[in-house]
Protein backbone atom coordinates (compact mmCIF):
# COMPACT_ATOMS: atom_id res chain seq x y z
CA MET A 1 61.33 -66.88 -138.69
CA ALA A 2 59.69 -69.86 -140.39
CA VAL A 3 57.50 -70.35 -137.32
CA VAL A 4 56.40 -66.71 -137.36
CA VAL A 5 55.63 -66.73 -141.09
CA GLY A 6 53.83 -70.06 -140.82
CA LEU A 7 51.80 -69.01 -137.82
CA ALA A 8 50.82 -65.63 -139.28
CA SER A 9 49.90 -67.23 -142.63
CA SER A 10 48.22 -70.36 -141.30
CA GLY A 11 44.71 -68.93 -140.90
CA TRP A 12 44.52 -70.30 -137.35
CA LEU A 13 44.67 -66.74 -136.00
CA SER A 14 42.27 -63.91 -136.56
CA PRO A 15 43.42 -61.13 -138.94
CA TRP A 16 44.23 -58.87 -135.99
CA TRP A 17 46.38 -61.52 -134.25
CA SER A 18 48.10 -62.44 -137.52
CA VAL A 19 49.16 -58.82 -137.97
CA PHE A 20 50.18 -58.66 -134.30
CA VAL A 21 52.43 -61.74 -134.57
CA ASP A 22 53.97 -60.45 -137.81
CA ASP A 23 54.61 -56.95 -136.42
CA ALA A 24 55.90 -58.30 -133.10
CA ALA A 25 58.43 -60.53 -134.85
CA GLN A 26 59.74 -57.58 -136.88
CA PHE A 27 59.90 -55.39 -133.77
CA LEU A 28 61.79 -58.00 -131.73
CA ALA A 29 64.24 -58.72 -134.54
CA ALA A 30 65.03 -55.02 -135.01
CA LEU A 31 65.31 -54.51 -131.25
CA ALA A 32 67.67 -57.50 -131.00
CA ALA A 33 69.84 -56.03 -133.77
CA THR A 34 69.90 -52.67 -131.98
CA LEU A 35 70.98 -54.17 -128.66
CA ALA A 36 73.47 -56.57 -130.27
CA CYS A 37 75.18 -53.74 -132.15
CA TRP A 38 75.43 -51.42 -129.17
CA ILE A 39 76.48 -54.09 -126.67
CA ALA A 40 79.11 -55.47 -129.05
CA ALA A 41 80.34 -51.92 -129.75
CA ALA A 42 81.40 -51.59 -126.11
CA ARG A 43 83.85 -54.47 -126.61
CA HIS A 44 85.58 -52.98 -129.64
CA HIS A 45 87.39 -49.81 -130.62
CA GLY A 46 88.06 -47.80 -133.75
CA ALA A 47 86.11 -48.57 -136.91
CA GLN A 48 84.83 -51.87 -135.52
CA ARG A 49 83.19 -49.96 -132.70
CA TRP A 50 81.76 -47.10 -134.71
CA TRP A 51 80.18 -49.15 -137.46
CA ARG A 52 78.26 -51.06 -134.76
CA ILE A 53 77.16 -47.79 -133.16
CA TRP A 54 75.89 -46.47 -136.49
CA MET A 55 74.20 -49.73 -137.40
CA GLY A 56 72.58 -49.86 -133.96
CA ALA A 57 71.22 -46.36 -134.57
CA ALA A 58 69.88 -47.53 -137.95
CA ALA A 59 68.11 -50.51 -136.36
CA CYS A 60 66.82 -48.32 -133.53
CA GLY A 61 65.29 -45.81 -135.94
CA TRP A 62 63.66 -48.64 -137.86
CA THR A 63 62.34 -50.08 -134.58
CA LEU A 64 60.68 -46.78 -133.71
CA GLY A 65 59.15 -46.68 -137.18
CA GLN A 66 57.82 -50.19 -136.64
CA VAL A 67 56.20 -49.16 -133.34
CA ILE A 68 54.37 -46.32 -135.12
CA TRP A 69 53.42 -48.62 -137.99
CA SER A 70 52.02 -51.23 -135.59
CA TRP A 71 49.99 -48.55 -133.85
CA TYR A 72 48.46 -47.55 -137.22
CA GLN A 73 47.61 -51.14 -138.10
CA LEU A 74 46.55 -52.57 -134.73
CA TYR A 75 44.91 -49.64 -132.96
CA ALA A 76 44.12 -46.93 -135.52
CA GLY A 77 42.77 -49.43 -138.00
CA VAL A 78 44.70 -47.94 -140.94
CA GLY A 79 45.98 -50.58 -143.37
CA LEU A 80 49.05 -49.21 -145.16
CA PRO A 81 49.21 -45.46 -144.53
CA THR A 82 51.60 -43.45 -146.69
CA PRO A 83 53.23 -41.14 -146.13
CA SER A 84 53.29 -41.38 -142.33
CA LEU A 85 55.50 -40.87 -139.31
CA ALA A 86 56.48 -44.51 -139.64
CA ASP A 87 58.29 -43.67 -142.89
CA ALA A 88 60.42 -41.15 -141.01
CA GLY A 89 61.60 -43.95 -138.72
CA TYR A 90 62.07 -46.50 -141.48
CA LEU A 91 64.08 -44.14 -143.67
CA THR A 92 66.61 -43.46 -140.90
CA LEU A 93 67.91 -46.99 -141.50
CA PRO A 94 69.64 -46.30 -144.87
CA VAL A 95 71.13 -43.05 -143.56
CA PHE A 96 72.78 -44.59 -140.50
CA ALA A 97 73.51 -47.90 -142.28
CA PHE A 98 75.38 -46.02 -145.02
CA ALA A 99 77.40 -44.23 -142.32
CA ALA A 100 78.23 -47.65 -140.85
CA LEU A 101 79.43 -48.92 -144.24
CA VAL A 102 81.55 -45.83 -144.82
CA THR A 103 83.11 -46.34 -141.38
CA LEU A 104 83.86 -49.97 -142.21
CA SER A 105 85.44 -48.93 -145.50
CA ALA A 106 87.68 -46.40 -143.75
CA GLY A 107 88.64 -49.05 -141.19
CA GLN A 108 89.72 -51.45 -143.93
CA SER A 109 91.90 -48.86 -145.65
CA VAL A 110 93.95 -48.47 -142.43
CA HIS A 111 95.35 -51.94 -143.06
CA ARG A 112 95.99 -51.33 -146.74
CA LEU A 113 98.24 -49.02 -148.62
CA PRO A 114 97.01 -45.43 -148.19
CA ARG A 115 94.46 -44.54 -150.83
CA HIS A 116 94.65 -41.30 -152.77
CA LEU A 117 91.74 -38.90 -152.78
CA GLU A 118 91.11 -39.80 -156.42
CA GLY A 119 90.57 -43.43 -155.40
CA GLN A 120 88.01 -42.47 -152.78
CA VAL A 121 86.20 -40.23 -155.25
CA LEU A 122 86.20 -43.05 -157.81
CA GLY A 123 84.60 -45.42 -155.31
CA ALA A 124 81.83 -42.94 -154.56
CA LEU A 125 81.25 -42.23 -158.26
CA ASP A 126 81.11 -45.96 -159.06
CA GLY A 127 78.46 -46.45 -156.41
CA LEU A 128 76.36 -43.55 -157.66
CA VAL A 129 76.64 -44.67 -161.30
CA ILE A 130 75.60 -48.24 -160.47
CA VAL A 131 72.73 -47.14 -158.24
CA GLY A 132 71.45 -44.67 -160.82
CA ALA A 133 71.69 -47.17 -163.68
CA LEU A 134 69.93 -49.92 -161.72
CA PHE A 135 67.23 -47.47 -160.67
CA VAL A 136 66.54 -46.47 -164.28
CA LEU A 137 66.51 -50.15 -165.25
CA SER A 138 63.93 -51.00 -162.58
CA TRP A 139 61.96 -47.80 -163.25
CA VAL A 140 61.44 -48.36 -166.97
CA THR A 141 60.62 -52.07 -166.54
CA ALA A 142 58.13 -52.07 -163.67
CA LEU A 143 58.68 -49.64 -160.82
CA GLY A 144 57.73 -46.47 -162.70
CA ALA A 145 54.32 -47.70 -163.76
CA VAL A 146 53.53 -48.96 -160.26
CA VAL A 147 54.53 -45.71 -158.56
CA HIS A 148 52.70 -43.52 -161.09
CA ASP A 149 49.52 -45.55 -160.81
CA GLY A 150 49.57 -45.98 -157.07
CA ALA A 151 50.94 -42.78 -155.60
CA ALA A 152 48.09 -40.66 -154.29
CA SER A 153 50.16 -37.49 -153.79
CA ARG A 154 53.56 -36.03 -154.59
CA MET A 155 54.76 -36.82 -151.06
CA ALA A 156 53.65 -40.44 -151.43
CA TYR A 157 55.45 -40.49 -154.77
CA LEU A 158 58.70 -39.28 -153.17
CA VAL A 159 58.41 -41.73 -150.27
CA ALA A 160 57.82 -44.59 -152.68
CA LEU A 161 60.97 -43.54 -154.58
CA ALA A 162 63.07 -43.28 -151.43
CA TYR A 163 62.83 -46.98 -150.54
CA PRO A 164 64.21 -48.51 -153.76
CA ILE A 165 66.86 -45.81 -154.19
CA THR A 166 68.25 -46.19 -150.67
CA ASP A 167 68.06 -49.98 -150.89
CA LEU A 168 70.03 -49.97 -154.13
CA LEU A 169 72.60 -47.61 -152.62
CA LEU A 170 73.17 -49.86 -149.60
CA THR A 171 73.27 -53.05 -151.68
CA VAL A 172 75.84 -51.67 -154.11
CA ARG A 173 77.99 -50.30 -151.30
CA VAL A 174 78.03 -53.65 -149.52
CA LEU A 175 78.95 -55.49 -152.74
CA MET A 176 81.84 -53.09 -153.35
CA LEU A 177 83.06 -53.57 -149.78
CA ILE A 178 82.90 -57.36 -149.99
CA GLY A 179 84.85 -57.31 -153.24
CA THR A 180 87.81 -55.53 -151.61
CA ALA A 181 87.59 -56.96 -148.09
CA SER A 182 90.37 -58.96 -146.48
CA ALA A 183 89.74 -62.59 -145.59
CA GLY A 184 89.31 -61.69 -141.92
CA ASN A 185 86.59 -59.11 -142.67
CA ARG A 186 84.75 -60.97 -145.41
CA ALA A 187 82.59 -63.19 -143.17
CA GLN A 188 81.36 -60.21 -141.18
CA LEU A 189 80.63 -58.19 -144.32
CA MET A 190 78.80 -61.07 -145.98
CA LEU A 191 76.53 -61.46 -142.96
CA LEU A 192 75.90 -57.73 -142.85
CA GLY A 193 75.34 -57.60 -146.61
CA ALA A 194 72.92 -60.54 -146.51
CA GLY A 195 70.99 -58.84 -143.71
CA LEU A 196 70.72 -55.54 -145.57
CA PHE A 197 69.78 -57.39 -148.76
CA GLY A 198 66.96 -59.19 -146.94
CA ILE A 199 65.70 -55.88 -145.58
CA ALA A 200 65.91 -54.40 -149.08
CA MET A 201 63.84 -57.26 -150.53
CA SER A 202 61.08 -56.75 -147.98
CA ASP A 203 61.33 -53.00 -148.52
CA SER A 204 60.62 -53.57 -152.20
CA VAL A 205 57.54 -55.64 -151.35
CA PHE A 206 56.47 -52.96 -148.88
CA ALA A 207 56.87 -50.13 -151.42
CA TYR A 208 55.01 -52.14 -154.04
CA GLN A 209 52.08 -52.94 -151.73
CA VAL A 210 51.85 -49.31 -150.61
CA THR A 211 51.85 -47.84 -154.10
CA ILE A 212 49.16 -50.21 -155.41
CA GLY A 213 46.93 -49.33 -152.47
CA ALA A 214 46.95 -52.78 -150.81
CA HIS A 215 45.41 -53.10 -147.33
CA GLY A 216 48.19 -55.27 -145.93
CA ILE A 217 51.48 -57.03 -146.55
CA PRO A 218 51.63 -60.84 -146.65
CA PRO A 219 53.76 -62.27 -143.78
CA LEU A 220 56.15 -63.80 -146.29
CA GLY A 221 56.84 -60.33 -147.65
CA ASP A 222 57.94 -59.24 -144.17
CA ALA A 223 60.26 -62.24 -143.74
CA GLY A 224 63.22 -60.21 -145.02
CA PHE A 225 62.82 -57.74 -142.17
CA VAL A 226 62.97 -60.49 -139.55
CA ALA A 227 65.81 -62.47 -141.16
CA GLY A 228 67.69 -59.31 -142.13
CA PHE A 229 67.89 -57.89 -138.62
CA VAL A 230 68.80 -61.31 -137.21
CA LEU A 231 71.74 -61.44 -139.64
CA VAL A 232 72.75 -57.90 -138.70
CA ALA A 233 72.79 -58.96 -135.03
CA ILE A 234 74.96 -61.98 -135.88
CA ALA A 235 77.33 -59.75 -137.88
CA ALA A 236 77.65 -57.44 -134.87
CA TRP A 237 78.84 -60.39 -132.74
CA THR A 238 81.19 -61.73 -135.44
CA GLU A 239 84.86 -61.11 -134.68
CA THR A 240 87.30 -60.09 -137.40
CA LYS A 241 90.95 -60.91 -137.92
CA GLN A 242 92.77 -57.80 -138.97
CA PRO A 243 95.90 -58.33 -141.11
CA GLN A 244 99.22 -57.17 -139.74
CA GLY A 245 100.66 -54.18 -141.57
CA TRP A 246 99.71 -52.97 -145.00
CA THR A 247 98.75 -55.23 -147.85
CA SER A 248 98.38 -54.55 -151.52
CA ARG A 249 97.08 -56.45 -154.52
CA PRO A 250 99.10 -56.09 -157.73
CA ASP A 251 96.24 -57.26 -159.94
CA PRO A 252 93.32 -54.89 -160.54
CA HIS A 253 89.80 -55.89 -159.53
CA TRP A 254 88.48 -56.13 -163.08
CA GLY A 255 84.99 -57.08 -161.97
CA ARG A 256 84.72 -54.03 -159.75
CA LEU A 257 86.28 -51.74 -162.37
CA LEU A 258 83.87 -52.86 -165.11
CA LEU A 259 80.74 -53.13 -162.95
CA PRO A 260 79.64 -49.49 -163.53
CA TYR A 261 79.89 -50.01 -167.30
CA PHE A 262 77.83 -53.19 -167.15
CA ALA A 263 75.14 -51.34 -165.18
CA VAL A 264 75.13 -48.41 -167.62
CA GLY A 265 75.01 -50.83 -170.55
CA ALA A 266 71.98 -52.59 -169.09
CA MET A 267 70.32 -49.20 -168.56
CA ALA A 268 71.01 -48.19 -172.16
CA VAL A 269 69.58 -51.46 -173.49
CA ALA A 270 66.41 -50.99 -171.40
CA LEU A 271 65.92 -47.44 -172.67
CA ILE A 272 66.50 -48.47 -176.29
CA VAL A 273 64.04 -51.35 -176.00
CA GLN A 274 61.44 -49.07 -174.41
CA ARG A 275 61.83 -46.51 -177.18
CA ALA A 276 61.67 -49.23 -179.83
CA CYS A 277 58.35 -50.36 -178.33
CA GLY A 278 56.98 -46.84 -178.73
CA ASN A 279 57.19 -45.89 -175.02
CA GLU A 280 59.02 -42.65 -174.37
CA PRO A 281 60.93 -42.56 -171.04
CA ASP A 282 59.26 -40.28 -168.50
CA ASP A 283 60.90 -37.30 -166.85
CA THR A 284 62.17 -39.31 -163.88
CA ALA A 285 63.95 -41.89 -166.06
CA GLY A 286 65.33 -39.19 -168.34
CA PHE A 287 66.64 -37.08 -165.48
CA VAL A 288 68.32 -39.99 -163.66
CA ALA A 289 69.76 -41.38 -166.92
CA SER A 290 71.25 -37.98 -167.73
CA ALA A 291 72.72 -37.77 -164.25
CA VAL A 292 74.23 -41.26 -164.64
CA VAL A 293 75.88 -40.32 -167.96
CA THR A 294 77.23 -37.12 -166.41
CA LEU A 295 78.64 -39.05 -163.44
CA LEU A 296 80.23 -41.54 -165.83
CA VAL A 297 81.97 -38.71 -167.70
CA VAL A 298 83.20 -37.27 -164.40
CA ARG A 299 84.41 -40.75 -163.43
CA GLN A 300 86.42 -40.96 -166.64
CA ALA A 301 87.97 -37.56 -165.97
CA VAL A 302 88.96 -38.58 -162.44
CA THR A 303 90.33 -41.86 -163.81
CA LEU A 304 92.49 -40.01 -166.33
CA VAL A 305 93.82 -37.73 -163.60
CA ARG A 306 94.60 -40.74 -161.43
CA VAL A 307 96.26 -42.67 -164.25
CA GLY A 308 98.37 -39.63 -165.11
CA GLY A 309 99.47 -39.39 -161.50
CA LEU A 310 100.30 -43.10 -161.37
CA VAL A 311 102.38 -42.90 -164.56
CA ALA A 312 104.29 -39.90 -163.21
CA SER A 313 104.78 -41.70 -159.90
CA ARG A 314 106.11 -44.82 -161.65
CA THR A 315 108.51 -42.71 -163.72
CA ARG A 316 109.81 -40.98 -160.60
CA LEU A 317 110.25 -44.38 -158.95
CA VAL A 318 112.26 -45.75 -161.89
CA LEU A 319 114.48 -42.65 -162.00
CA ALA A 320 115.00 -42.73 -158.22
CA THR A 321 115.92 -46.42 -158.42
CA ASP A 322 118.47 -45.68 -161.14
CA ASP A 323 119.94 -42.89 -159.01
CA ASP A 324 120.22 -45.26 -156.05
CA ARG A 325 121.85 -47.90 -158.25
CA ARG A 326 124.32 -45.36 -159.58
CA GLN A 327 125.20 -44.17 -156.08
CA LEU A 328 125.64 -47.74 -154.87
CA GLU A 329 127.91 -48.53 -157.83
CA ARG A 330 130.05 -45.51 -156.96
CA ASP A 331 130.22 -46.53 -153.31
CA LEU A 332 131.32 -50.03 -154.28
CA HIS A 333 133.86 -48.80 -156.82
CA ASP A 334 135.28 -45.85 -154.90
CA GLY A 335 134.87 -47.28 -151.42
CA VAL A 336 134.90 -51.04 -150.92
CA GLN A 337 136.87 -51.89 -154.06
CA GLN A 338 139.58 -49.29 -153.42
CA ARG A 339 139.95 -50.37 -149.81
CA LEU A 340 140.38 -53.98 -150.83
CA ILE A 341 143.03 -53.00 -153.39
CA ALA A 342 144.85 -50.89 -150.79
CA LEU A 343 144.71 -53.77 -148.31
CA ALA A 344 146.18 -56.16 -150.89
CA LEU A 345 149.06 -53.72 -151.53
CA ASP A 346 149.75 -53.44 -147.79
CA ILE A 347 149.88 -57.21 -147.51
CA ARG A 348 152.28 -57.36 -150.50
CA ARG A 349 154.56 -54.89 -148.73
CA ALA A 350 154.38 -56.92 -145.56
CA GLU A 351 155.10 -60.09 -147.57
CA ALA A 352 158.26 -58.51 -148.98
CA GLU A 353 159.59 -57.92 -145.46
CA VAL A 354 159.05 -61.51 -144.31
CA PRO A 355 162.43 -63.24 -143.59
CA PRO A 356 163.46 -65.98 -146.02
CA GLU A 357 163.20 -68.66 -143.33
CA CYS A 358 159.44 -67.89 -142.83
CA SER A 359 158.37 -69.34 -146.19
CA ARG A 360 155.14 -70.72 -144.74
CA LEU A 361 154.03 -67.23 -143.61
CA ARG A 362 154.96 -65.83 -147.04
CA ASP A 363 152.76 -68.46 -148.71
CA GLN A 364 149.86 -67.64 -146.37
CA LEU A 365 150.14 -63.92 -147.13
CA ASN A 366 150.27 -64.70 -150.85
CA ASP A 367 147.06 -66.74 -150.49
CA VAL A 368 145.40 -63.84 -148.68
CA VAL A 369 146.37 -61.47 -151.48
CA GLY A 370 144.95 -63.91 -154.05
CA ALA A 371 141.67 -64.09 -152.07
CA LEU A 372 141.53 -60.29 -151.91
CA ASN A 373 142.06 -60.01 -155.66
CA GLY A 374 139.25 -62.49 -156.20
CA THR A 375 137.03 -60.44 -153.90
CA VAL A 376 137.89 -57.30 -155.88
CA ASP A 377 136.79 -59.05 -159.07
CA GLU A 378 133.52 -60.10 -157.40
CA VAL A 379 132.88 -56.55 -156.19
CA ARG A 380 133.61 -55.28 -159.71
CA GLU A 381 131.07 -57.71 -161.17
CA LEU A 382 128.57 -56.81 -158.47
CA SER A 383 128.92 -53.10 -159.14
CA ARG A 384 128.51 -53.75 -162.87
CA GLY A 385 125.22 -55.57 -162.13
CA VAL A 386 123.98 -52.85 -159.80
CA HIS A 387 124.59 -50.11 -162.34
CA PRO A 388 126.58 -50.46 -165.56
CA ALA A 389 129.41 -47.97 -165.14
CA ILE A 390 130.29 -48.36 -168.80
CA LEU A 391 127.09 -46.51 -169.68
CA THR A 392 128.21 -43.51 -167.66
CA GLN A 393 131.64 -43.60 -169.28
CA GLY A 394 130.94 -44.58 -172.88
CA GLY A 395 127.22 -44.49 -173.56
CA LEU A 396 124.79 -47.04 -174.97
CA ARG A 397 126.94 -48.21 -177.90
CA LEU A 398 129.82 -49.34 -175.68
CA GLY A 399 127.44 -50.76 -173.07
CA LEU A 400 125.65 -52.99 -175.60
CA ARG A 401 128.96 -54.13 -177.09
CA ALA A 402 130.18 -55.11 -173.64
CA LEU A 403 127.02 -57.16 -173.10
CA ALA A 404 127.50 -58.87 -176.49
CA ARG A 405 131.09 -59.82 -175.63
CA ARG A 406 130.07 -61.37 -172.32
CA SER A 407 127.02 -63.21 -173.72
CA ALA A 408 127.08 -67.01 -173.57
CA ALA A 409 125.40 -67.14 -177.01
CA PRO A 410 127.03 -65.49 -180.06
CA VAL A 411 125.52 -62.07 -180.78
CA GLU A 412 125.20 -60.32 -184.14
CA LEU A 413 124.97 -56.70 -183.01
CA ASP A 414 124.10 -53.72 -185.19
CA VAL A 415 124.02 -50.43 -183.25
CA ARG A 416 123.24 -47.25 -185.16
CA VAL A 417 123.25 -44.68 -182.40
CA ASP A 418 125.28 -41.49 -182.66
CA GLY A 419 126.23 -39.63 -179.52
CA ARG A 420 124.60 -39.93 -176.13
CA LEU A 421 120.94 -40.54 -175.38
CA PRO A 422 118.98 -39.53 -172.26
CA GLU A 423 120.49 -41.48 -169.38
CA PRO A 424 117.19 -43.16 -168.27
CA VAL A 425 116.71 -44.45 -171.83
CA GLU A 426 120.27 -45.77 -172.00
CA VAL A 427 119.88 -47.60 -168.71
CA ALA A 428 116.52 -49.11 -169.69
CA ALA A 429 117.80 -50.19 -173.12
CA TYR A 430 120.87 -51.75 -171.51
CA TYR A 431 118.74 -53.86 -169.17
CA VAL A 432 116.39 -54.89 -172.00
CA MET A 433 119.40 -56.22 -173.92
CA ALA A 434 120.84 -57.90 -170.81
CA GLU A 435 117.56 -59.67 -170.03
CA ALA A 436 117.09 -60.79 -173.63
CA LEU A 437 120.62 -62.24 -173.84
CA THR A 438 120.25 -63.99 -170.51
CA ASN A 439 116.94 -65.59 -171.52
CA ALA A 440 118.33 -66.62 -174.94
CA ALA A 441 121.27 -68.45 -173.39
CA LYS A 442 119.59 -69.83 -170.28
CA TYR A 443 116.11 -70.83 -171.44
CA ALA A 444 115.83 -70.60 -175.23
CA GLU A 445 118.97 -72.70 -176.00
CA ALA A 446 119.69 -70.29 -178.84
CA SER A 447 122.72 -70.75 -181.09
CA VAL A 448 122.77 -67.13 -182.23
CA VAL A 449 121.15 -63.84 -181.22
CA SER A 450 120.56 -60.94 -183.60
CA ALA A 451 120.16 -57.43 -182.20
CA ALA A 452 119.51 -54.20 -184.07
CA VAL A 453 119.41 -50.81 -182.35
CA GLU A 454 118.78 -47.53 -184.13
CA VAL A 455 117.20 -44.11 -183.74
CA ARG A 456 114.44 -43.15 -186.17
CA SER A 457 112.21 -40.06 -186.00
CA GLY A 458 113.10 -39.31 -182.39
CA VAL A 459 112.46 -42.87 -181.20
CA LEU A 460 114.99 -45.52 -180.14
CA HIS A 461 114.07 -48.89 -181.69
CA MET A 462 115.48 -52.16 -180.35
CA SER A 463 114.85 -55.53 -182.02
CA ILE A 464 116.38 -58.65 -180.47
CA SER A 465 115.67 -62.10 -181.87
CA ASP A 466 117.07 -65.60 -181.38
CA ASP A 467 116.69 -69.01 -183.02
CA GLY A 468 115.83 -70.84 -179.81
CA VAL A 469 112.92 -73.05 -178.79
CA GLY A 470 110.46 -70.17 -178.39
CA GLY A 471 107.29 -70.55 -176.36
CA ALA A 472 108.26 -67.88 -173.84
CA ASP A 473 105.40 -66.54 -171.72
CA PRO A 474 106.20 -63.06 -170.31
CA ARG A 475 103.43 -63.45 -167.70
CA ARG A 476 105.30 -66.29 -165.99
CA GLY A 477 108.56 -64.43 -165.50
CA THR A 478 109.29 -61.41 -163.34
CA GLY A 479 112.19 -60.26 -165.55
CA ILE A 480 110.11 -59.27 -168.59
CA ILE A 481 107.37 -57.88 -166.36
CA GLY A 482 109.89 -55.66 -164.59
CA LEU A 483 111.34 -54.54 -167.91
CA THR A 484 107.86 -53.73 -169.23
CA ASP A 485 107.19 -51.54 -166.19
CA ARG A 486 110.52 -49.77 -166.68
CA VAL A 487 109.98 -49.19 -170.41
CA GLU A 488 106.39 -48.02 -170.03
CA ALA A 489 107.41 -45.68 -167.21
CA LEU A 490 109.55 -43.87 -169.79
CA GLY A 491 106.64 -43.67 -172.23
CA GLY A 492 107.87 -46.59 -174.35
CA THR A 493 106.52 -49.97 -175.36
CA LEU A 494 107.84 -53.52 -175.08
CA ALA A 495 106.47 -56.42 -177.14
CA VAL A 496 107.47 -60.10 -177.04
CA ASP A 497 106.65 -62.58 -179.82
CA SER A 498 107.66 -66.16 -179.05
CA PRO A 499 105.81 -68.86 -181.01
CA PRO A 500 106.84 -72.41 -179.98
CA GLY A 501 109.72 -73.72 -182.06
CA LEU A 502 110.24 -70.46 -183.94
CA GLY A 503 112.44 -68.52 -181.55
CA THR A 504 111.77 -65.34 -179.63
CA ARG A 505 111.62 -61.76 -180.88
CA LEU A 506 111.62 -58.78 -178.56
CA HIS A 507 110.93 -55.24 -179.75
CA ALA A 508 111.22 -52.14 -177.61
CA GLU A 509 110.67 -48.48 -178.44
CA PHE A 510 111.70 -45.44 -176.38
CA PRO A 511 110.66 -41.87 -177.19
CA LEU A 512 113.68 -39.59 -176.92
CA ASP A 513 111.85 -36.25 -176.84
CA ARG A 514 109.71 -36.99 -173.79
CA PRO A 515 109.95 -34.12 -171.27
């Protein structure tokens, strides 16, 4: 590429040969990308095959446009004609390239947890919001004035708009893909993204030169076309390592989530500055800005629908888990535990029939019965940990008292709860108390724990504090995180205050009238 740019810019060649070298390099690079994509596609299947087919079609359309463009420049003697048939070829690239990126995105989701329709809609809306905001930003700063001054006709005006809009759309889509790509796909996507970005940069130079009525494009301005298609060809030959099975990321992609708002904020600042300088935005900027705001409102509505669905899903998951725990506790209590007790009784009866002279056998049977009784106690403790049966039998008051009696640290318990509460709330409150007492005795080195539980205005309030070392960080422990998920799934809140040296205070609230 450096050789081509240097040779075309050196002045050693006549103007005609300089244009020929420049155009030939672009043609060969695009042709190489076309062939690389289609040849590599034959060696793959699924999404990895189809994105190469689409990208090959994009490069092929651009190649045909370049042939027409070269004919205008080299044989027809027309400098930078616009609009022309060459534009029809060039503008097929973003159409097919976007199809390739969509195919790649669908291929990645196969190896991730299935995405809801709302998530797919959100991705599309994010892309449109970012593209629209960046377009307004570029339009009010420089692009608008250039297009208005240089466009000779409405068609030339629309063609000049098409290049930056489609370039922005492709660039944003690639960035969003790279941000969520697996490690095995990232190298391929970065090469493809760099190639499309290079093409977009040269496209911007091309659109600028056309709209100002220039007679040619400097070879350096075309360097992005050459380098871009070379990178696309390399991406087509780059192998990927697909992960086995589904993967998920528990932490949200904050950068990706906030990117649309940053873009809209930059757009708003640009419009405010332009108005402050006494320049009213033109119709194009006003229309696109209005569309961006509308899309942002729609995005918020879709986000609320999705969040509502996720909250409902998490609540169903917590309730289903509690049901499974309860069923397991019953199976242990009514099944395994009862069988062990029956077996111990059978062995006792057999022990009673052992002749007096077989004292050794009697001792062995007695040891077996002792081991069985110990196993029964272990099963009883295990079933209590799986699901506290005392909640089912006596409610939250008795359950919390049982926890206080078994606590390693002394507990000052004040429970002001009359009657029974909704079972999911009782279970969640029980586990909040259990986790707090465990942490106080195991980590906080507390000498006393104070717990107050009461119902006020249809809300269950729990306050648990100790006089331990403090300094607890809920983010470093899975216990508090799991409790927070459980409490929030029921519409409640859980707060932890643990300054170093001043003990730990935990406060939880559960609404009791939630449907």
